[in-house]
Amino acid sequence: MWPPMPDFAPITHETFVADVLAIAATLADDDWKPHWLVGVGRGGLVPGAYLSQATGIQLLSVDVSSRHISFADELLEKLAAETRAGQRLLIVDDINDSGKTIGYLRRAIGEAGGVPDHVRVAVLINNIRSQAHVDYCSRTIDRASDKRWFVFPWEALAPETRLVEDAADVPERLA
C-alpha cells in the first residue's frame, strides 16, 4: 500500500504546553528578544497564541497552509517592512519537517526587503534533516528513523481520513 498508513503519534495537551513553556524559557534566557510573534497558519497559530500568553509578546499571523500562497503576500511584505524598521520577528510553527514552509517564509520576507537577522523561527518539533534552520525548538526528531505522524491537540478534532490525506502529501516522511 502506497503511501503507507501513518503511524499516528498523538501529542497530549500537557506535552504541548510543556513544549511551549520550554520555548518560552529559552526565549527568556536569550539576549535576542522578538517584538512580535508570527503564528503560521494553520499549525503555528495555536502554539503562537500559547507562546504569546506565556511571554507577553503580541501575536501576528500569516497563512501559507491554505495553498493560496498569494493571499499571504501583502502580509509578508508588511512583516519585511517591520524588520526594516528594526522590529524583530519570531515565526512560530508546530513542526519543521521538510522545511518548505519555513524556507518559503524566510525567502519571501527576504525578497520583500526584510532584514534576515531580525527574523528567527521557533517550532515545537524540529526534524534535524530538514532543509530549513530553526532557532528554537522544544524537541528534535530524525526523519531518517522517526516516521511517526504527530497529531497535535487541535488536529485531534479532524477525521482520521483528513489526517491520512495530510500525511500522504509528503509520503517520504512516512516510508
Protein backbone atom coordinates (compact mmCIF):
# COMPACT_ATOMS: atom_id res chain seq x y z
CA MET A 1 0.00 0.00 0.00
CA TRP A 2 1.49 3.33 -1.03
CA PRO A 3 1.71 5.62 0.71
CA PRO A 4 1.84 3.55 3.88
CA MET A 5 -0.68 4.15 6.66
CA PRO A 6 0.73 6.77 9.03
CA ASP A 7 1.92 5.80 12.49
CA PHE A 8 -0.12 8.41 14.35
CA ALA A 9 1.58 9.84 17.45
CA PRO A 10 -0.93 11.93 19.40
CA ILE A 11 0.58 14.78 21.42
CA THR A 12 -1.28 15.39 24.64
CA HIS A 13 -2.31 18.84 25.75
CA GLU A 14 0.12 18.53 28.67
CA THR A 15 3.02 17.70 26.35
CA PHE A 16 2.06 20.56 24.05
CA VAL A 17 2.00 23.04 26.96
CA ALA A 18 5.36 21.72 28.20
CA ASP A 19 6.82 22.25 24.71
CA VAL A 20 5.54 25.83 24.58
CA LEU A 21 6.90 26.57 28.07
CA ALA A 22 10.29 25.12 27.11
CA ILE A 23 10.50 27.56 24.19
CA ALA A 24 9.33 30.43 26.41
CA ALA A 25 12.09 29.61 28.92
CA THR A 26 14.71 29.53 26.16
CA LEU A 27 13.50 32.90 24.88
CA ALA A 28 13.63 34.36 28.39
CA ASP A 29 17.29 33.33 28.68
CA ASP A 30 18.28 34.65 25.24
CA ASP A 31 19.62 38.16 24.61
CA TRP A 32 17.69 38.30 21.30
CA LYS A 33 14.13 39.41 22.06
CA PRO A 34 11.34 39.48 19.46
CA HIS A 35 8.99 42.42 19.21
CA TRP A 36 6.36 40.22 17.56
CA LEU A 37 5.45 36.56 17.35
CA VAL A 38 4.15 35.43 13.96
CA GLY A 39 1.95 32.34 14.06
CA VAL A 40 1.95 30.36 10.82
CA GLY A 41 -1.50 29.19 9.73
CA ARG A 42 -2.55 26.56 10.32
CA GLY A 43 -0.19 24.62 12.61
CA GLY A 44 1.57 27.57 14.22
CA LEU A 45 -1.49 29.55 15.24
CA VAL A 46 -2.25 27.65 18.45
CA PRO A 47 1.40 27.38 19.56
CA GLY A 48 1.80 31.07 18.71
CA ALA A 49 -1.20 32.02 20.85
CA TYR A 50 0.05 29.97 23.78
CA LEU A 51 3.58 31.35 23.43
CA SER A 52 2.14 34.86 23.31
CA GLN A 53 0.35 34.25 26.58
CA ALA A 54 3.46 32.70 28.17
CA THR A 55 5.79 35.54 27.11
CA GLY A 56 3.53 38.59 26.88
CA ILE A 57 4.72 39.17 23.29
CA GLN A 58 1.95 40.17 20.87
CA LEU A 59 0.94 37.72 18.14
CA LEU A 60 0.55 38.38 14.43
CA SER A 61 -0.33 35.68 11.91
CA VAL A 62 0.29 34.69 8.33
CA ASP A 63 -1.36 31.81 6.48
CA VAL A 64 0.51 29.71 3.97
CA SER A 65 -1.17 26.37 4.73
CA SER A 66 -4.20 27.14 2.57
CA ARG A 67 -2.07 26.71 -0.54
CA HIS A 68 -3.42 30.09 -1.60
CA ILE A 69 0.11 31.44 -1.34
CA SER A 70 -0.53 34.84 -2.93
CA PHE A 71 -3.03 35.52 -0.14
CA ALA A 72 -0.10 35.93 2.26
CA ASP A 73 1.99 38.20 0.00
CA GLU A 74 0.76 41.51 1.44
CA LEU A 75 1.25 40.26 4.98
CA LEU A 76 4.77 39.05 4.22
CA GLU A 77 5.62 42.45 2.73
CA LYS A 78 4.33 44.08 5.92
CA LEU A 79 6.45 41.74 8.02
CA ALA A 80 9.51 42.60 5.90
CA ALA A 81 8.78 46.30 6.47
CA GLU A 82 8.65 45.67 10.23
CA THR A 83 12.15 44.18 10.11
CA ARG A 84 13.44 47.15 8.10
CA ALA A 85 12.05 49.39 10.85
CA GLY A 86 14.18 47.49 13.38
CA GLN A 87 11.48 45.15 14.67
CA ARG A 88 12.42 41.53 15.40
CA LEU A 89 10.02 38.72 14.43
CA LEU A 90 9.80 35.22 15.82
CA ILE A 91 7.96 32.94 13.40
CA VAL A 92 6.15 30.15 15.26
CA ASP A 93 5.09 26.83 13.75
CA ASP A 94 4.24 23.40 15.10
CA ILE A 95 6.88 21.35 13.28
CA ASN A 96 9.83 21.91 10.98
CA ASP A 97 9.56 18.73 8.96
CA SER A 98 10.60 19.16 5.32
CA GLY A 99 11.45 22.83 5.84
CA LYS A 100 9.33 24.01 2.92
CA THR A 101 7.12 26.35 4.96
CA ILE A 102 9.96 27.91 6.92
CA GLY A 103 12.12 28.18 3.83
CA TYR A 104 9.29 29.85 1.94
CA LEU A 105 8.65 32.37 4.73
CA ARG A 106 12.32 33.29 5.14
CA ARG A 107 12.72 33.63 1.36
CA ALA A 108 9.54 35.68 0.90
CA ILE A 109 10.41 38.09 3.72
CA GLY A 110 13.94 38.42 2.34
CA GLU A 111 12.72 39.03 -1.21
CA ALA A 112 10.43 41.76 0.14
CA GLY A 113 13.49 43.50 1.59
CA GLY A 114 13.31 42.06 5.10
CA VAL A 115 16.34 42.02 7.39
CA PRO A 116 17.34 38.34 7.89
CA ASP A 117 18.96 38.97 11.30
CA HIS A 118 15.62 40.27 12.55
CA VAL A 119 13.77 37.03 11.78
CA ARG A 120 14.03 33.85 13.82
CA VAL A 121 11.96 30.68 13.93
CA ALA A 122 10.60 28.57 16.79
CA VAL A 123 8.91 25.19 16.44
CA LEU A 124 7.72 22.59 18.87
CA ILE A 125 9.36 19.73 16.95
CA ASN A 126 12.40 20.09 14.69
CA ASN A 127 13.49 17.49 12.15
CA ILE A 128 17.30 17.58 12.14
CA ARG A 129 17.28 16.56 8.46
CA SER A 130 15.08 19.47 7.38
CA GLN A 131 16.34 21.83 4.68
CA ALA A 132 15.38 24.79 6.91
CA HIS A 133 17.12 26.01 10.05
CA VAL A 134 15.19 26.88 13.21
CA ASP A 135 16.50 28.92 16.11
CA TYR A 136 14.36 27.48 18.91
CA CYS A 137 12.65 24.15 19.42
CA SER A 138 11.38 22.02 22.24
CA ARG A 139 12.23 18.63 20.75
CA THR A 140 14.15 17.19 17.83
CA ILE A 141 13.50 14.17 15.66
CA ASP A 142 15.42 12.48 12.87
CA ARG A 143 13.12 11.67 9.95
CA ALA A 144 15.62 9.09 8.73
CA SER A 145 14.44 6.86 11.59
CA ASP A 146 11.36 8.54 13.08
CA LYS A 147 8.38 8.15 10.75
CA ARG A 148 5.64 8.97 13.25
CA TRP A 149 2.93 11.40 12.14
CA PHE A 150 2.48 13.79 15.03
CA VAL A 151 -1.11 14.71 15.82
CA PHE A 152 -1.24 17.95 17.78
CA PRO A 153 -4.18 18.60 20.12
CA TRP A 154 -6.00 20.88 17.65
CA GLU A 155 -5.64 18.26 14.90
CA ALA A 156 -7.24 15.58 17.08
CA LEU A 157 -10.61 17.05 16.08
CA ALA A 158 -10.04 16.18 12.41
CA PRO A 159 -11.44 12.96 11.00
CA GLU A 160 -8.77 10.29 10.57
CA THR A 161 -9.30 10.38 6.79
CA ARG A 162 -8.10 14.00 6.71
CA LEU A 163 -5.05 13.15 8.84
CA VAL A 164 -4.22 10.34 6.42
CA GLU A 165 -4.61 12.74 3.45
CA ASP A 166 -2.37 15.34 5.13
CA ALA A 167 0.28 12.70 5.81
CA ALA A 168 0.09 11.43 2.22
CA ASP A 169 1.03 14.89 0.90
CA VAL A 170 4.67 14.05 1.64
CA PRO A 171 4.86 10.24 1.61
CA GLU A 172 8.65 10.14 2.07
CA ARG A 173 8.08 11.26 5.66
CA LEU A 174 6.24 8.01 6.28
CA ALA A 175 8.32 5.37 4.46
